[in-house]
Amino acid sequence: MFLVVLVVAVGLAFDFTNGFHDTANYVATWVGTRALSPRLAVLVSAAANLAGAFVTTAVAKTVGSGLIDTGLATEKTLLAALFGAIVWNLLTWWAGLPSSSTHALVGGLIGAALVQSGSKGVEWTGIWQKVLLPGLASPVIGFVGAFLLLVLIYRLFHRLTPGTAHRGFRLGQLLSGTWVAFTHGANDAQKTMGVIALALYTHGSISSFYIPTWVKIAAGLTIAMGTYAGGWRIIRTLGQRIYGLQPEHGFAAQIAAGATLWTGTHYGFPISTTHVVTGSVMGAGATRRLSAVRWGVAGNIVFAWLLTLPAAGLVAAALYYPVRWLL
């Protein structure tokens, strides 16, 4: 029973780092356009994250039963995976890079499962269909969606003066930013729910794989607290260094990102909020001209994306035997 409690505690610790690491993904577009102050933006985001955690369990079921073999995984496998994801989250947070908490967790699960059980411990079809393909497609969809939406906005509202348009879209961002935060809670909080539920199932605490209500409440509250703690280093990168956002850019990016995240959540894809929001911000910026986007910064972020899954996997793999020996 001690190991199950430990998995729950470490899982919630990951959930907390997920909250403050990914806060920047939607807060940056509020702060960068001055639609909300940083502290108020984070407070609204925390509340929306908490609400989103209760709407569905499709992603939790994917993470808990569709990525690694539930018959082979143990509590120690999950602990190594979570430690690997947490370490990578903290490193990239310290560096100010908006890498993916989703891919950190998936990488951790793969690395730990490979060391424990070899290739048979990983559900490769699930990884490809549920993680890699959606992970590649989602930022492109966000980019195209934000680009097209902003072109439409320019056509519909071109007669408005800049001052009137900016005021209107700042008000619109109250809704669009809350929408992104809500969909982030719906997708990301479930990843921790899935890991905790898998630990309960492997231990025999639950007879079939499902998400108990107390797990939903704990994960929702924890990611909300992590969100309120804030991720100011990453906020600066997304809100100021990729593209100098205006309110209409922030609005379009948030609508496109939220729609992409919600679609992924509906189909049970644990997609990255970081990928989607960054792609959407870049798409909004590209409507002015391609040179308006600071592609060098964007390139560094892409590099972090590519590195995250294998790096977190290596950390988790390295930690598996120490965790096994100590516990």
C-alpha atoms as a PDB file:
ATOM      1  CA  MET A   1       0.000   0.000   0.000  1.00  0.00           C
ATOM      2  CA  PHE A   2       2.941   2.329   0.655  1.00  0.00           C
ATOM      3  CA  LEU A   3       3.942   2.272  -3.029  1.00  0.00           C
ATOM      4  CA  VAL A   4       0.419   3.166  -4.157  1.00  0.00           C
ATOM      5  CA  VAL A   5       0.323   6.137  -1.800  1.00  0.00           C
ATOM      6  CA  LEU A   6       3.751   7.180  -3.050  1.00  0.00           C
ATOM      7  CA  VAL A   7       2.625   6.978  -6.693  1.00  0.00           C
ATOM      8  CA  VAL A   8      -0.380   9.147  -5.858  1.00  0.00           C
ATOM      9  CA  ALA A   9       1.832  11.711  -4.113  1.00  0.00           C
ATOM     10  CA  VAL A  10       4.452  11.808  -6.888  1.00  0.00           C
ATOM     11  CA  GLY A  11       1.703  11.853  -9.521  1.00  0.00           C
ATOM     12  CA  LEU A  12       0.178  14.916  -7.910  1.00  0.00           C
ATOM     13  CA  ALA A  13       3.642  16.477  -7.696  1.00  0.00           C
ATOM     14  CA  PHE A  14       3.937  16.008 -11.478  1.00  0.00           C
ATOM     15  CA  ASP A  15       0.447  17.478 -11.860  1.00  0.00           C
ATOM     16  CA  PHE A  16       1.584  20.549  -9.918  1.00  0.00           C
ATOM     17  CA  THR A  17       4.672  20.995 -12.125  1.00  0.00           C
ATOM     18  CA  ASN A  18       2.435  20.521 -15.147  1.00  0.00           C
ATOM     19  CA  GLY A  19       0.253  23.373 -13.894  1.00  0.00           C
ATOM     20  CA  PHE A  20       3.006  25.921 -13.351  1.00  0.00           C
ATOM     21  CA  HIS A  21       4.995  24.735 -16.374  1.00  0.00           C
ATOM     22  CA  ASP A  22       2.051  24.998 -18.775  1.00  0.00           C
ATOM     23  CA  THR A  23       0.438  28.108 -17.293  1.00  0.00           C
ATOM     24  CA  ALA A  24       2.444  30.144 -19.784  1.00  0.00           C
ATOM     25  CA  ASN A  25       0.744  28.453 -22.710  1.00  0.00           C
ATOM     26  CA  TYR A  26      -2.421  30.464 -22.346  1.00  0.00           C
ATOM     27  CA  VAL A  27      -1.502  33.189 -19.842  1.00  0.00           C
ATOM     28  CA  ALA A  28       1.174  34.548 -22.199  1.00  0.00           C
ATOM     29  CA  THR A  29      -1.394  35.573 -24.802  1.00  0.00           C
ATOM     30  CA  TRP A  30      -3.347  37.491 -22.146  1.00  0.00           C
ATOM     31  CA  VAL A  31      -0.295  39.155 -20.660  1.00  0.00           C
ATOM     32  CA  GLY A  32       1.403  39.824 -23.994  1.00  0.00           C
ATOM     33  CA  THR A  33      -1.620  41.816 -25.244  1.00  0.00           C
ATOM     34  CA  ARG A  34      -2.291  43.431 -21.841  1.00  0.00           C
ATOM     35  CA  ALA A  35      -5.795  41.949 -21.781  1.00  0.00           C
ATOM     36  CA  LEU A  36      -5.258  40.940 -18.133  1.00  0.00           C
ATOM     37  CA  SER A  37      -2.620  41.493 -15.495  1.00  0.00           C
ATOM     38  CA  PRO A  38      -0.352  38.482 -14.905  1.00  0.00           C
ATOM     39  CA  ARG A  39      -1.752  37.645 -11.466  1.00  0.00           C
ATOM     40  CA  LEU A  40      -5.410  37.970 -12.507  1.00  0.00           C
ATOM     41  CA  ALA A  41      -4.744  35.951 -15.649  1.00  0.00           C
ATOM     42  CA  VAL A  42      -3.217  33.140 -13.593  1.00  0.00           C
ATOM     43  CA  LEU A  43      -6.117  33.206 -11.118  1.00  0.00           C
ATOM     44  CA  VAL A  44      -8.725  32.924 -13.886  1.00  0.00           C
ATOM     45  CA  SER A  45      -6.668  30.160 -15.497  1.00  0.00           C
ATOM     46  CA  ALA A  46      -6.496  28.181 -12.262  1.00  0.00           C
ATOM     47  CA  ALA A  47     -10.280  28.271 -11.879  1.00  0.00           C
ATOM     48  CA  ALA A  48     -10.821  27.250 -15.516  1.00  0.00           C
ATOM     49  CA  ASN A  49      -8.260  24.432 -15.185  1.00  0.00           C
ATOM     50  CA  LEU A  50     -10.147  23.046 -12.206  1.00  0.00           C
ATOM     51  CA  ALA A  51     -13.460  23.123 -14.067  1.00  0.00           C
ATOM     52  CA  GLY A  52     -11.993  21.452 -17.134  1.00  0.00           C
ATOM     53  CA  ALA A  53     -10.652  18.522 -15.135  1.00  0.00           C
ATOM     54  CA  PHE A  54     -14.162  17.135 -14.594  1.00  0.00           C
ATOM     55  CA  VAL A  55     -15.640  17.125 -18.112  1.00  0.00           C
ATOM     56  CA  THR A  56     -14.358  13.804 -19.522  1.00  0.00           C
ATOM     57  CA  THR A  57     -11.984  10.898 -18.866  1.00  0.00           C
ATOM     58  CA  ALA A  58     -11.062   9.917 -22.448  1.00  0.00           C
ATOM     59  CA  VAL A  59      -7.465  11.149 -22.169  1.00  0.00           C
ATOM     60  CA  ALA A  60      -7.033   9.550 -18.728  1.00  0.00           C
ATOM     61  CA  LYS A  61      -8.037   6.185 -20.158  1.00  0.00           C
ATOM     62  CA  THR A  62      -5.537   6.559 -23.005  1.00  0.00           C
ATOM     63  CA  VAL A  63      -2.666   7.402 -20.641  1.00  0.00           C
ATOM     64  CA  GLY A  64      -3.594   4.761 -18.085  1.00  0.00           C
ATOM     65  CA  SER A  65      -4.369   1.847 -20.380  1.00  0.00           C
ATOM     66  CA  GLY A  66      -3.283   2.640 -23.932  1.00  0.00           C
ATOM     67  CA  LEU A  67       0.436   3.488 -23.829  1.00  0.00           C
ATOM     68  CA  ILE A  68       2.151   0.785 -21.752  1.00  0.00           C
ATOM     69  CA  ASP A  69       1.129  -2.793 -20.956  1.00  0.00           C
ATOM     70  CA  THR A  70      -1.043  -2.648 -17.841  1.00  0.00           C
ATOM     71  CA  GLY A  71      -0.404  -6.325 -17.159  1.00  0.00           C
ATOM     72  CA  LEU A  72       3.352  -5.781 -16.872  1.00  0.00           C
ATOM     73  CA  ALA A  73       3.587  -2.313 -15.323  1.00  0.00           C
ATOM     74  CA  THR A  74       4.069  -1.989 -11.566  1.00  0.00           C
ATOM     75  CA  GLU A  75       3.998   0.877  -9.110  1.00  0.00           C
ATOM     76  CA  LYS A  76       7.800   1.143  -9.446  1.00  0.00           C
ATOM     77  CA  THR A  77       7.486   1.540 -13.220  1.00  0.00           C
ATOM     78  CA  LEU A  78       5.090   4.414 -12.689  1.00  0.00           C
ATOM     79  CA  LEU A  79       7.295   6.036 -10.049  1.00  0.00           C
ATOM     80  CA  ALA A  80      10.321   5.999 -12.362  1.00  0.00           C
ATOM     81  CA  ALA A  81       8.187   7.433 -15.177  1.00  0.00           C
ATOM     82  CA  LEU A  82       6.852  10.236 -12.988  1.00  0.00           C
ATOM     83  CA  PHE A  83      10.279  11.127 -11.614  1.00  0.00           C
ATOM     84  CA  GLY A  84      11.646  11.306 -15.158  1.00  0.00           C
ATOM     85  CA  ALA A  85       8.826  13.620 -16.255  1.00  0.00           C
ATOM     86  CA  ILE A  86       9.195  15.859 -13.193  1.00  0.00           C
ATOM     87  CA  VAL A  87      12.953  16.226 -13.636  1.00  0.00           C
ATOM     88  CA  TRP A  88      12.531  17.221 -17.286  1.00  0.00           C
ATOM     89  CA  ASN A  89       9.711  19.657 -16.457  1.00  0.00           C
ATOM     90  CA  LEU A  90      11.864  21.383 -13.857  1.00  0.00           C
ATOM     91  CA  LEU A  91      14.893  21.600 -16.135  1.00  0.00           C
ATOM     92  CA  THR A  92      12.967  23.140 -19.026  1.00  0.00           C
ATOM     93  CA  TRP A  93      11.058  25.457 -16.679  1.00  0.00           C
ATOM     94  CA  TRP A  94      14.364  26.713 -15.286  1.00  0.00           C
ATOM     95  CA  ALA A  95      15.654  27.277 -18.815  1.00  0.00           C
ATOM     96  CA  GLY A  96      12.438  29.094 -19.764  1.00  0.00           C
ATOM     97  CA  LEU A  97      11.637  26.655 -22.586  1.00  0.00           C
ATOM     98  CA  PRO A  98       7.972  25.785 -23.204  1.00  0.00           C
ATOM     99  CA  SER A  99       8.551  22.076 -23.692  1.00  0.00           C
ATOM    100  CA  SER A 100       5.744  19.566 -23.454  1.00  0.00           C
ATOM    101  CA  SER A 101       4.684  18.137 -20.091  1.00  0.00           C
ATOM    102  CA  THR A 102       2.621  15.653 -22.071  1.00  0.00           C
ATOM    103  CA  HIS A 103       5.616  14.305 -23.939  1.00  0.00           C
ATOM    104  CA  ALA A 104       7.673  14.352 -20.749  1.00  0.00           C
ATOM    105  CA  LEU A 105       5.158  12.017 -19.103  1.00  0.00           C
ATOM    106  CA  VAL A 106       4.794   9.798 -22.176  1.00  0.00           C
ATOM    107  CA  GLY A 107       8.577   9.633 -22.532  1.00  0.00           C
ATOM    108  CA  GLY A 108       8.880   8.716 -18.873  1.00  0.00           C
ATOM    109  CA  LEU A 109       6.342   5.912 -19.240  1.00  0.00           C
ATOM    110  CA  ILE A 110       8.098   4.533 -22.320  1.00  0.00           C
ATOM    111  CA  GLY A 111      11.570   4.693 -20.757  1.00  0.00           C
ATOM    112  CA  ALA A 112      10.548   3.009 -17.525  1.00  0.00           C
ATOM    113  CA  ALA A 113       8.486   0.344 -19.300  1.00  0.00           C
ATOM    114  CA  LEU A 114      11.333  -0.488 -21.698  1.00  0.00           C
ATOM    115  CA  VAL A 115      13.810  -1.026 -18.867  1.00  0.00           C
ATOM    116  CA  GLN A 116      11.357  -3.105 -16.884  1.00  0.00           C
ATOM    117  CA  SER A 117       9.834  -5.300 -19.605  1.00  0.00           C
ATOM    118  CA  GLY A 118      11.611  -4.595 -22.885  1.00  0.00           C
ATOM    119  CA  SER A 119       9.775  -3.677 -26.062  1.00  0.00           C
ATOM    120  CA  LYS A 120       6.734  -5.765 -25.086  1.00  0.00           C
ATOM    121  CA  GLY A 121       6.058  -3.389 -22.204  1.00  0.00           C
ATOM    122  CA  VAL A 122       5.109  -0.551 -24.573  1.00  0.00           C
ATOM    123  CA  GLU A 123       1.893  -0.337 -26.605  1.00  0.00           C
ATOM    124  CA  TRP A 124       3.585   0.973 -29.756  1.00  0.00           C
ATOM    125  CA  THR A 125       0.358   1.237 -31.747  1.00  0.00           C
ATOM    126  CA  GLY A 126      -1.149   3.424 -29.054  1.00  0.00           C
ATOM    127  CA  ILE A 127       1.992   5.586 -28.928  1.00  0.00           C
ATOM    128  CA  TRP A 128       1.892   6.129 -32.682  1.00  0.00           C
ATOM    129  CA  GLN A 129      -1.852   6.658 -33.073  1.00  0.00           C
ATOM    130  CA  LYS A 130      -2.618   8.498 -29.837  1.00  0.00           C
ATOM    131  CA  VAL A 131       0.565  10.492 -29.201  1.00  0.00           C
ATOM    132  CA  LEU A 132       2.945  10.899 -32.136  1.00  0.00           C
ATOM    133  CA  LEU A 133       0.507  11.542 -34.996  1.00  0.00           C
ATOM    134  CA  PRO A 134      -1.694  13.946 -32.988  1.00  0.00           C
ATOM    135  CA  GLY A 135       1.476  15.549 -31.598  1.00  0.00           C
ATOM    136  CA  LEU A 136       2.722  16.269 -35.114  1.00  0.00           C
ATOM    137  CA  ALA A 137      -0.638  17.436 -36.434  1.00  0.00           C
ATOM    138  CA  SER A 138      -1.869  19.589 -33.531  1.00  0.00           C
ATOM    139  CA  PRO A 139       0.568  22.547 -33.815  1.00  0.00           C
ATOM    140  CA  VAL A 140       0.031  22.637 -37.589  1.00  0.00           C
ATOM    141  CA  ILE A 141      -3.739  22.686 -37.068  1.00  0.00           C
ATOM    142  CA  GLY A 142      -3.328  25.459 -34.481  1.00  0.00           C
ATOM    143  CA  PHE A 143      -1.090  27.448 -36.875  1.00  0.00           C
ATOM    144  CA  VAL A 144      -3.484  27.163 -39.823  1.00  0.00           C
ATOM    145  CA  GLY A 145      -6.571  27.764 -37.670  1.00  0.00           C
ATOM    146  CA  ALA A 146      -5.192  30.942 -36.093  1.00  0.00           C
ATOM    147  CA  PHE A 147      -3.925  32.212 -39.464  1.00  0.00           C
ATOM    148  CA  LEU A 148      -7.286  31.725 -41.206  1.00  0.00           C
ATOM    149  CA  LEU A 149      -9.287  33.089 -38.283  1.00  0.00           C
ATOM    150  CA  LEU A 150      -7.211  36.251 -38.136  1.00  0.00           C
ATOM    151  CA  VAL A 151      -7.527  36.766 -41.909  1.00  0.00           C
ATOM    152  CA  LEU A 152     -11.308  36.517 -41.439  1.00  0.00           C
ATOM    153  CA  ILE A 153     -11.181  38.974 -38.531  1.00  0.00           C
ATOM    154  CA  TYR A 154      -9.248  41.496 -40.647  1.00  0.00           C
ATOM    155  CA  ARG A 155     -11.823  41.214 -43.430  1.00  0.00           C
ATOM    156  CA  LEU A 156     -14.816  41.591 -41.122  1.00  0.00           C
ATOM    157  CA  PHE A 157     -13.510  44.374 -38.895  1.00  0.00           C
ATOM    158  CA  HIS A 158     -11.211  46.350 -41.192  1.00  0.00           C
ATOM    159  CA  ARG A 159     -13.361  49.492 -40.825  1.00  0.00           C
ATOM    160  CA  LEU A 160     -12.807  49.701 -37.055  1.00  0.00           C
ATOM    161  CA  THR A 161     -10.188  52.076 -35.721  1.00  0.00           C
ATOM    162  CA  PRO A 162      -7.204  50.351 -34.071  1.00  0.00           C
ATOM    163  CA  GLY A 163      -8.190  51.667 -30.639  1.00  0.00           C
ATOM    164  CA  THR A 164     -11.756  50.355 -30.882  1.00  0.00           C
ATOM    165  CA  ALA A 165     -10.618  47.007 -32.279  1.00  0.00           C
ATOM    166  CA  HIS A 166      -8.002  46.521 -29.575  1.00  0.00           C
ATOM    167  CA  ARG A 167     -10.486  47.261 -26.794  1.00  0.00           C
ATOM    168  CA  GLY A 168     -13.008  44.854 -28.282  1.00  0.00           C
ATOM    169  CA  PHE A 169     -10.579  42.004 -28.737  1.00  0.00           C
ATOM    170  CA  ARG A 170      -9.126  42.489 -25.252  1.00  0.00           C
ATOM    171  CA  LEU A 171     -12.650  41.922 -23.933  1.00  0.00           C
ATOM    172  CA  GLY A 172     -12.984  38.926 -26.263  1.00  0.00           C
ATOM    173  CA  GLN A 173      -9.800  37.497 -24.808  1.00  0.00           C
ATOM    174  CA  LEU A 174     -11.489  37.182 -21.429  1.00  0.00           C
ATOM    175  CA  LEU A 175     -13.591  34.435 -22.999  1.00  0.00           C
ATOM    176  CA  SER A 176     -11.066  32.971 -25.445  1.00  0.00           C
ATOM    177  CA  GLY A 177      -8.298  32.758 -22.831  1.00  0.00           C
ATOM    178  CA  THR A 178     -10.632  31.124 -20.322  1.00  0.00           C
ATOM    179  CA  TRP A 179     -11.614  28.657 -23.038  1.00  0.00           C
ATOM    180  CA  VAL A 180      -7.979  27.644 -23.577  1.00  0.00           C
ATOM    181  CA  ALA A 181      -7.424  27.245 -19.825  1.00  0.00           C
ATOM    182  CA  PHE A 182     -10.572  25.110 -19.584  1.00  0.00           C
ATOM    183  CA  THR A 183      -9.458  22.818 -22.411  1.00  0.00           C
ATOM    184  CA  HIS A 184      -5.978  22.602 -20.870  1.00  0.00           C
ATOM    185  CA  GLY A 185      -7.522  21.349 -17.628  1.00  0.00           C
ATOM    186  CA  ALA A 186      -9.678  18.901 -19.586  1.00  0.00           C
ATOM    187  CA  ASN A 187      -6.650  17.425 -21.368  1.00  0.00           C
ATOM    188  CA  ASP A 188      -3.676  17.779 -19.026  1.00  0.00           C
ATOM    189  CA  ALA A 189      -5.207  17.005 -15.618  1.00  0.00           C
ATOM    190  CA  GLN A 190      -6.407  13.703 -17.039  1.00  0.00           C
ATOM    191  CA  LYS A 191      -2.859  12.524 -17.688  1.00  0.00           C
ATOM    192  CA  THR A 192      -2.171  12.400 -13.969  1.00  0.00           C
ATOM    193  CA  MET A 193      -5.571  10.826 -13.369  1.00  0.00           C
ATOM    194  CA  GLY A 194      -4.652   8.033 -15.768  1.00  0.00           C
ATOM    195  CA  VAL A 195      -1.347   7.267 -14.040  1.00  0.00           C
ATOM    196  CA  ILE A 196      -2.919   7.234 -10.574  1.00  0.00           C
ATOM    197  CA  ALA A 197      -5.791   5.029 -11.747  1.00  0.00           C
ATOM    198  CA  LEU A 198      -3.278   2.621 -13.324  1.00  0.00           C
ATOM    199  CA  ALA A 199      -1.418   2.416  -9.994  1.00  0.00           C
ATOM    200  CA  LEU A 200      -4.675   1.640  -8.188  1.00  0.00           C
ATOM    201  CA  TYR A 201      -5.538  -1.005 -10.780  1.00  0.00           C
ATOM    202  CA  THR A 202      -2.153  -2.759 -10.725  1.00  0.00           C
ATOM    203  CA  HIS A 203      -2.273  -2.843  -6.922  1.00  0.00           C
ATOM    204  CA  GLY A 204      -5.799  -4.270  -6.918  1.00  0.00           C
ATOM    205  CA  SER A 205      -7.360  -1.277  -5.163  1.00  0.00           C
ATOM    206  CA  ILE A 206      -9.875  -1.093  -8.023  1.00  0.00           C
ATOM    207  CA  SER A 207     -11.103  -4.191  -9.868  1.00  0.00           C
ATOM    208  CA  SER A 208     -11.301  -2.582 -13.321  1.00  0.00           C
ATOM    209  CA  PHE A 209      -9.669   0.452 -14.881  1.00  0.00           C
ATOM    210  CA  TYR A 210     -11.717   3.596 -14.252  1.00  0.00           C
ATOM    211  CA  ILE A 211     -11.132   7.043 -12.750  1.00  0.00           C
ATOM    212  CA  PRO A 212     -12.474   7.319  -9.176  1.00  0.00           C
ATOM    213  CA  THR A 213     -14.098  10.619  -8.242  1.00  0.00           C
ATOM    214  CA  TRP A 214     -11.505  11.409  -5.572  1.00  0.00           C
ATOM    215  CA  VAL A 215      -8.750  11.075  -8.211  1.00  0.00           C
ATOM    216  CA  LYS A 216     -10.524  13.626 -10.437  1.00  0.00           C
ATOM    217  CA  ILE A 217     -10.877  16.050  -7.525  1.00  0.00           C
ATOM    218  CA  ALA A 218      -7.250  15.646  -6.407  1.00  0.00           C
ATOM    219  CA  ALA A 219      -5.829  16.048  -9.919  1.00  0.00           C
ATOM    220  CA  GLY A 220      -8.067  19.017 -10.690  1.00  0.00           C
ATOM    221  CA  LEU A 221      -7.193  20.863  -7.500  1.00  0.00           C
ATOM    222  CA  THR A 222      -3.473  20.159  -7.857  1.00  0.00           C
ATOM    223  CA  ILE A 223      -3.160  21.369 -11.451  1.00  0.00           C
ATOM    224  CA  ALA A 224      -5.146  24.457 -10.483  1.00  0.00           C
ATOM    225  CA  MET A 225      -2.727  25.181  -7.617  1.00  0.00           C
ATOM    226  CA  GLY A 226       0.213  24.651  -9.944  1.00  0.00           C
ATOM    227  CA  THR A 227      -1.345  27.016 -12.435  1.00  0.00           C
ATOM    228  CA  TYR A 228      -1.754  29.693  -9.783  1.00  0.00           C
ATOM    229  CA  ALA A 229       1.904  29.314  -8.844  1.00  0.00           C
ATOM    230  CA  GLY A 230       2.658  30.501 -12.375  1.00  0.00           C
ATOM    231  CA  GLY A 231       5.455  29.937 -14.861  1.00  0.00           C
ATOM    232  CA  TRP A 232       6.795  33.406 -15.445  1.00  0.00           C
ATOM    233  CA  ARG A 233       9.979  32.420 -17.277  1.00  0.00           C
ATOM    234  CA  ILE A 234       8.015  30.643 -19.991  1.00  0.00           C
ATOM    235  CA  ILE A 235       5.358  33.371 -20.108  1.00  0.00           C
ATOM    236  CA  ARG A 236       8.052  35.799 -21.250  1.00  0.00           C
ATOM    237  CA  THR A 237       9.167  33.456 -24.036  1.00  0.00           C
ATOM    238  CA  LEU A 238       5.686  32.827 -25.443  1.00  0.00           C
ATOM    239  CA  GLY A 239       4.165  36.246 -24.790  1.00  0.00           C
ATOM    240  CA  GLN A 240       6.979  38.499 -25.938  1.00  0.00           C
ATOM    241  CA  ARG A 241       9.796  36.723 -27.754  1.00  0.00           C
ATOM    242  CA  ILE A 242       8.018  34.743 -30.502  1.00  0.00           C
ATOM    243  CA  TYR A 243       5.881  37.619 -31.761  1.00  0.00           C
ATOM    244  CA  GLY A 244       4.774  41.007 -30.423  1.00  0.00           C
ATOM    245  CA  LEU A 245       1.103  40.171 -29.909  1.00  0.00           C
ATOM    246  CA  GLN A 246      -1.813  42.549 -30.454  1.00  0.00           C
ATOM    247  CA  PRO A 247      -5.249  41.734 -28.957  1.00  0.00           C
ATOM    248  CA  GLU A 248      -6.635  40.379 -32.229  1.00  0.00           C
ATOM    249  CA  HIS A 249      -3.647  38.029 -32.518  1.00  0.00           C
ATOM    250  CA  GLY A 250      -4.136  36.790 -28.968  1.00  0.00           C
ATOM    251  CA  PHE A 251      -7.857  36.261 -29.539  1.00  0.00           C
ATOM    252  CA  ALA A 252      -7.349  34.283 -32.764  1.00  0.00           C
ATOM    253  CA  ALA A 253      -4.536  32.197 -31.270  1.00  0.00           C
ATOM    254  CA  GLN A 254      -6.596  31.351 -28.189  1.00  0.00           C
ATOM    255  CA  ILE A 255      -9.707  30.376 -30.164  1.00  0.00           C
ATOM    256  CA  ALA A 256      -7.695  28.163 -32.518  1.00  0.00           C
ATOM    257  CA  ALA A 257      -5.714  26.572 -29.688  1.00  0.00           C
ATOM    258  CA  GLY A 258      -8.801  25.907 -27.570  1.00  0.00           C
ATOM    259  CA  ALA A 259     -10.671  24.299 -30.478  1.00  0.00           C
ATOM    260  CA  THR A 260      -7.686  22.067 -31.283  1.00  0.00           C
ATOM    261  CA  LEU A 261      -7.251  21.025 -27.652  1.00  0.00           C
ATOM    262  CA  TRP A 262     -10.947  20.286 -27.225  1.00  0.00           C
ATOM    263  CA  THR A 263     -11.031  18.125 -30.351  1.00  0.00           C
ATOM    264  CA  GLY A 264      -8.001  16.163 -29.135  1.00  0.00           C
ATOM    265  CA  THR A 265      -9.562  15.723 -25.698  1.00  0.00           C
ATOM    266  CA  HIS A 266     -12.791  14.453 -27.229  1.00  0.00           C
ATOM    267  CA  TYR A 267     -10.910  11.703 -29.080  1.00  0.00           C
ATOM    268  CA  GLY A 268      -8.710  10.813 -26.104  1.00  0.00           C
ATOM    269  CA  PHE A 269      -5.469  12.224 -27.543  1.00  0.00           C
ATOM    270  CA  PRO A 270      -3.042  13.426 -24.846  1.00  0.00           C
ATOM    271  CA  ILE A 271      -1.827  16.299 -27.018  1.00  0.00           C
ATOM    272  CA  SER A 272       0.508  19.038 -25.876  1.00  0.00           C
ATOM    273  CA  THR A 273      -0.947  22.394 -24.892  1.00  0.00           C
ATOM    274  CA  THR A 274       2.525  23.818 -25.417  1.00  0.00           C
ATOM    275  CA  HIS A 275       2.680  22.637 -29.024  1.00  0.00           C
ATOM    276  CA  VAL A 276      -0.819  23.809 -29.862  1.00  0.00           C
ATOM    277  CA  VAL A 277      -0.585  27.270 -28.312  1.00  0.00           C
ATOM    278  CA  THR A 278       2.866  27.966 -29.735  1.00  0.00           C
ATOM    279  CA  GLY A 279       1.721  26.900 -33.205  1.00  0.00           C
ATOM    280  CA  SER A 280      -1.350  29.108 -32.872  1.00  0.00           C
ATOM    281  CA  VAL A 281       0.694  32.132 -31.748  1.00  0.00           C
ATOM    282  CA  MET A 282       3.017  31.652 -34.711  1.00  0.00           C
ATOM    283  CA  GLY A 283       0.062  31.323 -37.097  1.00  0.00           C
ATOM    284  CA  ALA A 284      -1.452  34.559 -35.824  1.00  0.00           C
ATOM    285  CA  GLY A 285       1.864  36.351 -36.158  1.00  0.00           C
ATOM    286  CA  ALA A 286       2.405  35.070 -39.695  1.00  0.00           C
ATOM    287  CA  THR A 287      -0.660  36.949 -40.973  1.00  0.00           C
ATOM    288  CA  ARG A 288       1.309  40.182 -40.920  1.00  0.00           C
ATOM    289  CA  ARG A 289       4.359  38.765 -42.659  1.00  0.00           C
ATOM    290  CA  LEU A 290       6.471  35.678 -42.144  1.00  0.00           C
ATOM    291  CA  SER A 291       9.403  37.759 -40.981  1.00  0.00           C
ATOM    292  CA  ALA A 292       7.270  39.115 -38.107  1.00  0.00           C
ATOM    293  CA  VAL A 293       7.650  35.784 -36.320  1.00  0.00           C
ATOM    294  CA  ARG A 294      10.969  35.345 -34.551  1.00  0.00           C
ATOM    295  CA  TRP A 295      11.739  31.991 -36.086  1.00  0.00           C
ATOM    296  CA  GLY A 296      15.010  31.588 -34.179  1.00  0.00           C
ATOM    297  CA  VAL A 297      13.147  31.472 -30.870  1.00  0.00           C
ATOM    298  CA  ALA A 298      10.528  29.223 -32.430  1.00  0.00           C
ATOM    299  CA  GLY A 299      13.322  26.936 -33.647  1.00  0.00           C
ATOM    300  CA  ASN A 300      14.708  26.609 -30.127  1.00  0.00           C
ATOM    301  CA  ILE A 301      11.252  25.613 -28.936  1.00  0.00           C
ATOM    302  CA  VAL A 302      10.907  23.008 -31.707  1.00  0.00           C
ATOM    303  CA  PHE A 303      14.267  21.587 -30.656  1.00  0.00           C
ATOM    304  CA  ALA A 304      12.975  21.302 -27.076  1.00  0.00           C
ATOM    305  CA  TRP A 305       9.882  19.490 -28.368  1.00  0.00           C
ATOM    306  CA  LEU A 306      11.982  16.946 -30.267  1.00  0.00           C
ATOM    307  CA  LEU A 307      14.255  16.417 -27.292  1.00  0.00           C
ATOM    308  CA  THR A 308      11.587  16.073 -24.618  1.00  0.00           C
ATOM    309  CA  LEU A 309      10.211  12.586 -25.211  1.00  0.00           C
ATOM    310  CA  PRO A 310      13.567  10.758 -25.524  1.00  0.00           C
ATOM    311  CA  ALA A 311      15.215  12.867 -22.790  1.00  0.00           C
ATOM    312  CA  ALA A 312      12.459  12.226 -20.263  1.00  0.00           C
ATOM    313  CA  GLY A 313      12.525   8.572 -21.300  1.00  0.00           C
ATOM    314  CA  LEU A 314      16.250   8.326 -20.635  1.00  0.00           C
ATOM    315  CA  VAL A 315      15.874   9.952 -17.209  1.00  0.00           C
ATOM    316  CA  ALA A 316      13.058   7.561 -16.299  1.00  0.00           C
ATOM    317  CA  ALA A 317      15.049   4.586 -17.585  1.00  0.00           C
ATOM    318  CA  ALA A 318      18.064   5.620 -15.516  1.00  0.00           C
ATOM    319  CA  LEU A 319      15.885   5.970 -12.421  1.00  0.00           C
ATOM    320  CA  TYR A 320      14.067   2.639 -12.720  1.00  0.00           C
ATOM    321  CA  TYR A 321      16.670   0.464 -10.981  1.00  0.00           C
ATOM    322  CA  PRO A 322      17.420   2.983  -8.210  1.00  0.00           C
ATOM    323  CA  VAL A 323      13.674   3.202  -7.537  1.00  0.00           C
ATOM    324  CA  ARG A 324      13.412  -0.595  -7.575  1.00  0.00           C
ATOM    325  CA  TRP A 325      16.349  -1.045  -5.207  1.00  0.00           C
ATOM    326  CA  LEU A 326      15.243   1.658  -2.779  1.00  0.00           C
ATOM    327  CA  LEU A 327      11.589   0.659  -2.651  1.00  0.00           C
END
